[in-house]
Amino acid sequence: MINEAKIINQPYSGQYEERIYDIPSSWDSQKWTWIKFSNEDFSEWCGEFRGSSRYVAISKKHNSILVLTSDYLYQLDRISGELIEYESQPQYHNLTLTPSGDFIISDYYSIELIKSTIKEKQLIESPIHMDMIKFHSWSNNELLITCEEFLNWDRHVELELNCETLEITMKNDI
């Protein structure tokens, strides 16, 4: 069972046992992401994923791992490391894990909740139309988010997402 996942630079040949997660497509980039996985028995191995690195997160609650690259959103089984689902050419730019173990993901304009599978996403409503969303840090059950108001790019806003109620509230203009 996988306990840790960390984005790393390309390892030396033979440094780790490697698994290649390549989904053949004519739209694939020539860039790769390497992630070092650590199992509960302290063994380590490396996964190679198509696309530039963005984020990786592990949910013990759902026994799954999400790997976000520029080319794909991969969902792996936390027990076996096998590929469960994937999404091609994702527009996502942020990925985080709630304190309760669910995934939160965003593109530039919207934020979604992912529980057990990437095929089932729930849109989280916002009090404003957002653009250039960026996740920052967690404070208890609140995720700090910054963005610009869509079509009003001079207005930079701080928001908070409560992961228990799934409500986004305005914190202040910055």
C-alpha atoms as a PDB file:
ATOM      1  CA  MET A   1       0.000   0.000   0.000  1.00  0.00           C
ATOM      2  CA  ILE A   2       1.318   3.431  -0.982  1.00  0.00           C
ATOM      3  CA  ASN A   3       1.768   5.902   1.879  1.00  0.00           C
ATOM      4  CA  GLU A   4       3.691   8.745   0.230  1.00  0.00           C
ATOM      5  CA  ALA A   5       4.066  10.272  -3.216  1.00  0.00           C
ATOM      6  CA  LYS A   6       6.490  13.013  -4.158  1.00  0.00           C
ATOM      7  CA  ILE A   7       7.281  14.681  -7.479  1.00  0.00           C
ATOM      8  CA  ILE A   8      11.005  14.278  -8.214  1.00  0.00           C
ATOM      9  CA  ASN A   9      13.471  14.967 -11.002  1.00  0.00           C
ATOM     10  CA  GLN A  10      14.207  12.196 -13.477  1.00  0.00           C
ATOM     11  CA  PRO A  11      15.961   9.451 -11.489  1.00  0.00           C
ATOM     12  CA  TYR A  12      19.152   7.719 -12.556  1.00  0.00           C
ATOM     13  CA  SER A  13      18.580   4.577 -14.582  1.00  0.00           C
ATOM     14  CA  GLY A  14      18.114   1.642 -12.197  1.00  0.00           C
ATOM     15  CA  GLN A  15      17.797   3.839  -9.101  1.00  0.00           C
ATOM     16  CA  TYR A  16      14.186   2.695  -8.571  1.00  0.00           C
ATOM     17  CA  GLU A  17      11.898   0.054  -9.951  1.00  0.00           C
ATOM     18  CA  GLU A  18       9.911   1.998 -12.536  1.00  0.00           C
ATOM     19  CA  ARG A  19       6.374   1.872 -13.904  1.00  0.00           C
ATOM     20  CA  ILE A  20       5.485   3.823 -17.009  1.00  0.00           C
ATOM     21  CA  TYR A  21       1.980   5.269 -17.165  1.00  0.00           C
ATOM     22  CA  ASP A  22       1.743   6.177 -20.841  1.00  0.00           C
ATOM     23  CA  ILE A  23      -1.544   6.562 -22.654  1.00  0.00           C
ATOM     24  CA  PRO A  24      -0.814   6.651 -26.388  1.00  0.00           C
ATOM     25  CA  SER A  25      -2.284   9.728 -28.041  1.00  0.00           C
ATOM     26  CA  SER A  26      -1.262  11.951 -30.918  1.00  0.00           C
ATOM     27  CA  TRP A  27      -1.738  14.918 -28.546  1.00  0.00           C
ATOM     28  CA  ASP A  28       0.918  13.756 -26.042  1.00  0.00           C
ATOM     29  CA  SER A  29       3.740  16.132 -25.231  1.00  0.00           C
ATOM     30  CA  GLN A  30       7.369  15.052 -25.016  1.00  0.00           C
ATOM     31  CA  LYS A  31       7.551  16.030 -21.327  1.00  0.00           C
ATOM     32  CA  TRP A  32       7.418  13.565 -18.432  1.00  0.00           C
ATOM     33  CA  THR A  33       6.759  13.681 -14.699  1.00  0.00           C
ATOM     34  CA  TRP A  34       8.456  11.336 -12.228  1.00  0.00           C
ATOM     35  CA  ILE A  35       6.868  10.518  -8.900  1.00  0.00           C
ATOM     36  CA  LYS A  36       8.578   8.563  -6.146  1.00  0.00           C
ATOM     37  CA  PHE A  37       6.144   6.353  -4.263  1.00  0.00           C
ATOM     38  CA  SER A  38       6.868   4.955  -0.800  1.00  0.00           C
ATOM     39  CA  ASN A  39       4.994   1.871   0.369  1.00  0.00           C
ATOM     40  CA  GLU A  40       4.055   1.018   3.942  1.00  0.00           C
ATOM     41  CA  ASP A  41       6.931  -1.529   4.006  1.00  0.00           C
ATOM     42  CA  PHE A  42       9.335   1.394   3.232  1.00  0.00           C
ATOM     43  CA  SER A  43      10.057   0.124  -0.283  1.00  0.00           C
ATOM     44  CA  GLU A  44      10.261   2.810  -2.965  1.00  0.00           C
ATOM     45  CA  TRP A  45       9.496   2.862  -6.657  1.00  0.00           C
ATOM     46  CA  CYS A  46       9.034   5.460  -9.339  1.00  0.00           C
ATOM     47  CA  GLY A  47       6.120   6.188 -11.646  1.00  0.00           C
ATOM     48  CA  GLU A  48       6.680   7.932 -14.973  1.00  0.00           C
ATOM     49  CA  PHE A  49       3.711   9.998 -16.220  1.00  0.00           C
ATOM     50  CA  ARG A  50       3.229  11.789 -19.539  1.00  0.00           C
ATOM     51  CA  GLY A  51       3.219  15.616 -19.278  1.00  0.00           C
ATOM     52  CA  SER A  52       4.792  18.389 -17.195  1.00  0.00           C
ATOM     53  CA  SER A  53       4.381  17.989 -13.455  1.00  0.00           C
ATOM     54  CA  ARG A  54       1.686  19.865 -11.581  1.00  0.00           C
ATOM     55  CA  TYR A  55       0.457  18.042  -8.452  1.00  0.00           C
ATOM     56  CA  VAL A  56       0.088  14.697  -6.707  1.00  0.00           C
ATOM     57  CA  ALA A  57      -2.222  13.870  -3.775  1.00  0.00           C
ATOM     58  CA  ILE A  58      -3.078  10.687  -1.863  1.00  0.00           C
ATOM     59  CA  SER A  59      -6.473   9.998  -0.307  1.00  0.00           C
ATOM     60  CA  LYS A  60      -6.364   7.300   2.349  1.00  0.00           C
ATOM     61  CA  LYS A  61     -10.136   7.683   2.707  1.00  0.00           C
ATOM     62  CA  HIS A  62     -10.764   6.663  -0.923  1.00  0.00           C
ATOM     63  CA  ASN A  63      -7.595   4.542  -1.357  1.00  0.00           C
ATOM     64  CA  SER A  64      -6.674   6.506  -4.447  1.00  0.00           C
ATOM     65  CA  ILE A  65      -3.966   8.792  -5.767  1.00  0.00           C
ATOM     66  CA  LEU A  66      -4.434  11.657  -8.210  1.00  0.00           C
ATOM     67  CA  VAL A  67      -1.535  12.742 -10.411  1.00  0.00           C
ATOM     68  CA  LEU A  68      -2.048  15.942 -12.377  1.00  0.00           C
ATOM     69  CA  THR A  69       0.235  16.684 -15.326  1.00  0.00           C
ATOM     70  CA  SER A  70      -0.140  18.999 -18.294  1.00  0.00           C
ATOM     71  CA  ASP A  71      -1.287  16.050 -20.431  1.00  0.00           C
ATOM     72  CA  TYR A  72      -3.464  13.955 -18.095  1.00  0.00           C
ATOM     73  CA  LEU A  73      -5.251  13.648 -14.791  1.00  0.00           C
ATOM     74  CA  TYR A  74      -4.418  10.112 -13.614  1.00  0.00           C
ATOM     75  CA  GLN A  75      -6.218   8.201 -10.866  1.00  0.00           C
ATOM     76  CA  LEU A  76      -4.287   5.311  -9.342  1.00  0.00           C
ATOM     77  CA  ASP A  77      -5.303   2.661  -6.852  1.00  0.00           C
ATOM     78  CA  ARG A  78      -3.426   3.334  -3.596  1.00  0.00           C
ATOM     79  CA  ILE A  79      -3.139  -0.378  -2.785  1.00  0.00           C
ATOM     80  CA  SER A  80      -1.732  -1.687  -6.086  1.00  0.00           C
ATOM     81  CA  GLY A  81      -0.545   1.440  -7.898  1.00  0.00           C
ATOM     82  CA  GLU A  82      -2.606   0.407 -10.935  1.00  0.00           C
ATOM     83  CA  LEU A  83      -4.229   3.003 -13.184  1.00  0.00           C
ATOM     84  CA  ILE A  84      -7.976   3.216 -12.484  1.00  0.00           C
ATOM     85  CA  GLU A  85      -9.094   6.178 -14.615  1.00  0.00           C
ATOM     86  CA  TYR A  86      -7.600   9.037 -16.572  1.00  0.00           C
ATOM     87  CA  GLU A  87      -8.699  12.241 -18.223  1.00  0.00           C
ATOM     88  CA  SER A  88      -6.909  13.522 -21.330  1.00  0.00           C
ATOM     89  CA  GLN A  89      -5.812  17.119 -21.848  1.00  0.00           C
ATOM     90  CA  PRO A  90      -7.111  18.363 -18.482  1.00  0.00           C
ATOM     91  CA  GLN A  91      -7.514  22.087 -17.993  1.00  0.00           C
ATOM     92  CA  TYR A  92      -6.832  21.797 -14.261  1.00  0.00           C
ATOM     93  CA  HIS A  93      -4.199  23.934 -12.569  1.00  0.00           C
ATOM     94  CA  ASN A  94      -4.706  23.190  -8.865  1.00  0.00           C
ATOM     95  CA  LEU A  95      -5.152  20.017  -6.841  1.00  0.00           C
ATOM     96  CA  THR A  96      -5.339  19.600  -3.082  1.00  0.00           C
ATOM     97  CA  LEU A  97      -6.645  17.156  -0.505  1.00  0.00           C
ATOM     98  CA  THR A  98      -9.193  18.193   2.127  1.00  0.00           C
ATOM     99  CA  PRO A  99      -8.525  17.314   5.776  1.00  0.00           C
ATOM    100  CA  SER A 100     -11.376  14.775   5.443  1.00  0.00           C
ATOM    101  CA  GLY A 101      -9.651  13.010   2.513  1.00  0.00           C
ATOM    102  CA  ASP A 102     -11.545  14.264  -0.555  1.00  0.00           C
ATOM    103  CA  PHE A 103      -9.859  15.880  -3.556  1.00  0.00           C
ATOM    104  CA  ILE A 104     -10.451  19.495  -4.592  1.00  0.00           C
ATOM    105  CA  ILE A 105      -9.440  20.456  -8.122  1.00  0.00           C
ATOM    106  CA  SER A 106      -9.739  23.616 -10.198  1.00  0.00           C
ATOM    107  CA  ASP A 107      -9.199  24.992 -13.646  1.00  0.00           C
ATOM    108  CA  TYR A 108      -8.941  28.770 -14.135  1.00  0.00           C
ATOM    109  CA  TYR A 109     -12.694  29.346 -13.719  1.00  0.00           C
ATOM    110  CA  SER A 110     -14.244  26.724 -11.435  1.00  0.00           C
ATOM    111  CA  ILE A 111     -13.611  24.512  -8.427  1.00  0.00           C
ATOM    112  CA  GLU A 112     -14.797  20.902  -8.146  1.00  0.00           C
ATOM    113  CA  LEU A 113     -14.922  18.195  -5.490  1.00  0.00           C
ATOM    114  CA  ILE A 114     -13.796  14.663  -6.357  1.00  0.00           C
ATOM    115  CA  LYS A 115     -14.612  11.862  -3.974  1.00  0.00           C
ATOM    116  CA  SER A 116     -14.097   8.286  -5.141  1.00  0.00           C
ATOM    117  CA  THR A 117     -13.558   8.684  -8.895  1.00  0.00           C
ATOM    118  CA  ILE A 118     -12.524  11.430 -11.300  1.00  0.00           C
ATOM    119  CA  LYS A 119     -15.557  10.614 -13.446  1.00  0.00           C
ATOM    120  CA  GLU A 120     -17.839  11.963 -10.712  1.00  0.00           C
ATOM    121  CA  LYS A 121     -17.100  15.602  -9.948  1.00  0.00           C
ATOM    122  CA  GLN A 122     -19.253  18.041  -8.020  1.00  0.00           C
ATOM    123  CA  LEU A 123     -19.094  21.737  -8.932  1.00  0.00           C
ATOM    124  CA  ILE A 124     -18.629  24.033  -5.940  1.00  0.00           C
ATOM    125  CA  GLU A 125     -20.580  27.279  -6.328  1.00  0.00           C
ATOM    126  CA  SER A 126     -18.789  30.583  -5.819  1.00  0.00           C
ATOM    127  CA  PRO A 127     -20.179  34.004  -4.830  1.00  0.00           C
ATOM    128  CA  ILE A 128     -18.368  35.558  -7.839  1.00  0.00           C
ATOM    129  CA  HIS A 129     -17.342  34.455 -11.311  1.00  0.00           C
ATOM    130  CA  MET A 130     -13.694  33.489 -10.886  1.00  0.00           C
ATOM    131  CA  ASP A 131     -10.638  33.651 -13.127  1.00  0.00           C
ATOM    132  CA  MET A 132      -7.007  32.675 -12.484  1.00  0.00           C
ATOM    133  CA  ILE A 133      -7.857  30.543  -9.412  1.00  0.00           C
ATOM    134  CA  LYS A 134      -4.936  29.624  -7.159  1.00  0.00           C
ATOM    135  CA  PHE A 135      -5.045  27.367  -4.086  1.00  0.00           C
ATOM    136  CA  HIS A 136      -2.817  28.418  -1.209  1.00  0.00           C
ATOM    137  CA  SER A 137      -3.005  26.763   2.213  1.00  0.00           C
ATOM    138  CA  TRP A 138      -5.299  25.000   4.629  1.00  0.00           C
ATOM    139  CA  SER A 139      -6.212  26.384   8.043  1.00  0.00           C
ATOM    140  CA  ASN A 140      -8.272  23.767   9.844  1.00  0.00           C
ATOM    141  CA  ASN A 141     -11.124  23.052   7.376  1.00  0.00           C
ATOM    142  CA  GLU A 142     -10.693  26.248   5.350  1.00  0.00           C
ATOM    143  CA  LEU A 143      -8.770  26.458   2.070  1.00  0.00           C
ATOM    144  CA  LEU A 144      -7.381  29.894   1.197  1.00  0.00           C
ATOM    145  CA  ILE A 145      -7.954  30.702  -2.473  1.00  0.00           C
ATOM    146  CA  THR A 146      -6.999  33.742  -4.507  1.00  0.00           C
ATOM    147  CA  CYS A 147      -8.441  34.701  -7.859  1.00  0.00           C
ATOM    148  CA  GLU A 148      -9.459  37.571 -10.039  1.00  0.00           C
ATOM    149  CA  GLU A 149     -13.063  38.392 -10.704  1.00  0.00           C
ATOM    150  CA  PHE A 150     -13.943  37.273 -14.218  1.00  0.00           C
ATOM    151  CA  LEU A 151     -14.148  40.225 -16.639  1.00  0.00           C
ATOM    152  CA  ASN A 152     -12.974  42.543 -13.827  1.00  0.00           C
ATOM    153  CA  TRP A 153      -9.286  41.676 -13.754  1.00  0.00           C
ATOM    154  CA  ASP A 154      -8.395  44.659 -11.574  1.00  0.00           C
ATOM    155  CA  ARG A 155     -10.268  43.031  -8.703  1.00  0.00           C
ATOM    156  CA  HIS A 156      -8.046  40.511  -6.895  1.00  0.00           C
ATOM    157  CA  VAL A 157      -9.965  38.534  -4.288  1.00  0.00           C
ATOM    158  CA  GLU A 158      -9.222  36.194  -1.394  1.00  0.00           C
ATOM    159  CA  LEU A 159     -11.790  33.470  -0.809  1.00  0.00           C
ATOM    160  CA  GLU A 160     -12.155  30.657   1.695  1.00  0.00           C
ATOM    161  CA  LEU A 161     -13.597  27.246   0.936  1.00  0.00           C
ATOM    162  CA  ASN A 162     -15.050  25.399   3.900  1.00  0.00           C
ATOM    163  CA  CYS A 163     -14.512  21.721   3.091  1.00  0.00           C
ATOM    164  CA  GLU A 164     -17.279  20.578   5.455  1.00  0.00           C
ATOM    165  CA  THR A 165     -20.050  22.784   4.054  1.00  0.00           C
ATOM    166  CA  LEU A 166     -18.510  23.188   0.562  1.00  0.00           C
ATOM    167  CA  GLU A 167     -19.273  26.910   0.758  1.00  0.00           C
ATOM    168  CA  ILE A 168     -16.968  29.548  -0.674  1.00  0.00           C
ATOM    169  CA  THR A 169     -17.007  32.878   1.133  1.00  0.00           C
ATOM    170  CA  MET A 170     -15.383  36.198   0.325  1.00  0.00           C
ATOM    171  CA  LYS A 171     -12.505  37.014   2.626  1.00  0.00           C
ATOM    172  CA  ASN A 172     -11.340  40.327   1.160  1.00  0.00           C
ATOM    173  CA  ASP A 173     -10.084  42.174  -1.870  1.00  0.00           C
ATOM    174  CA  ILE A 174      -6.299  42.284  -2.247  1.00  0.00           C
END
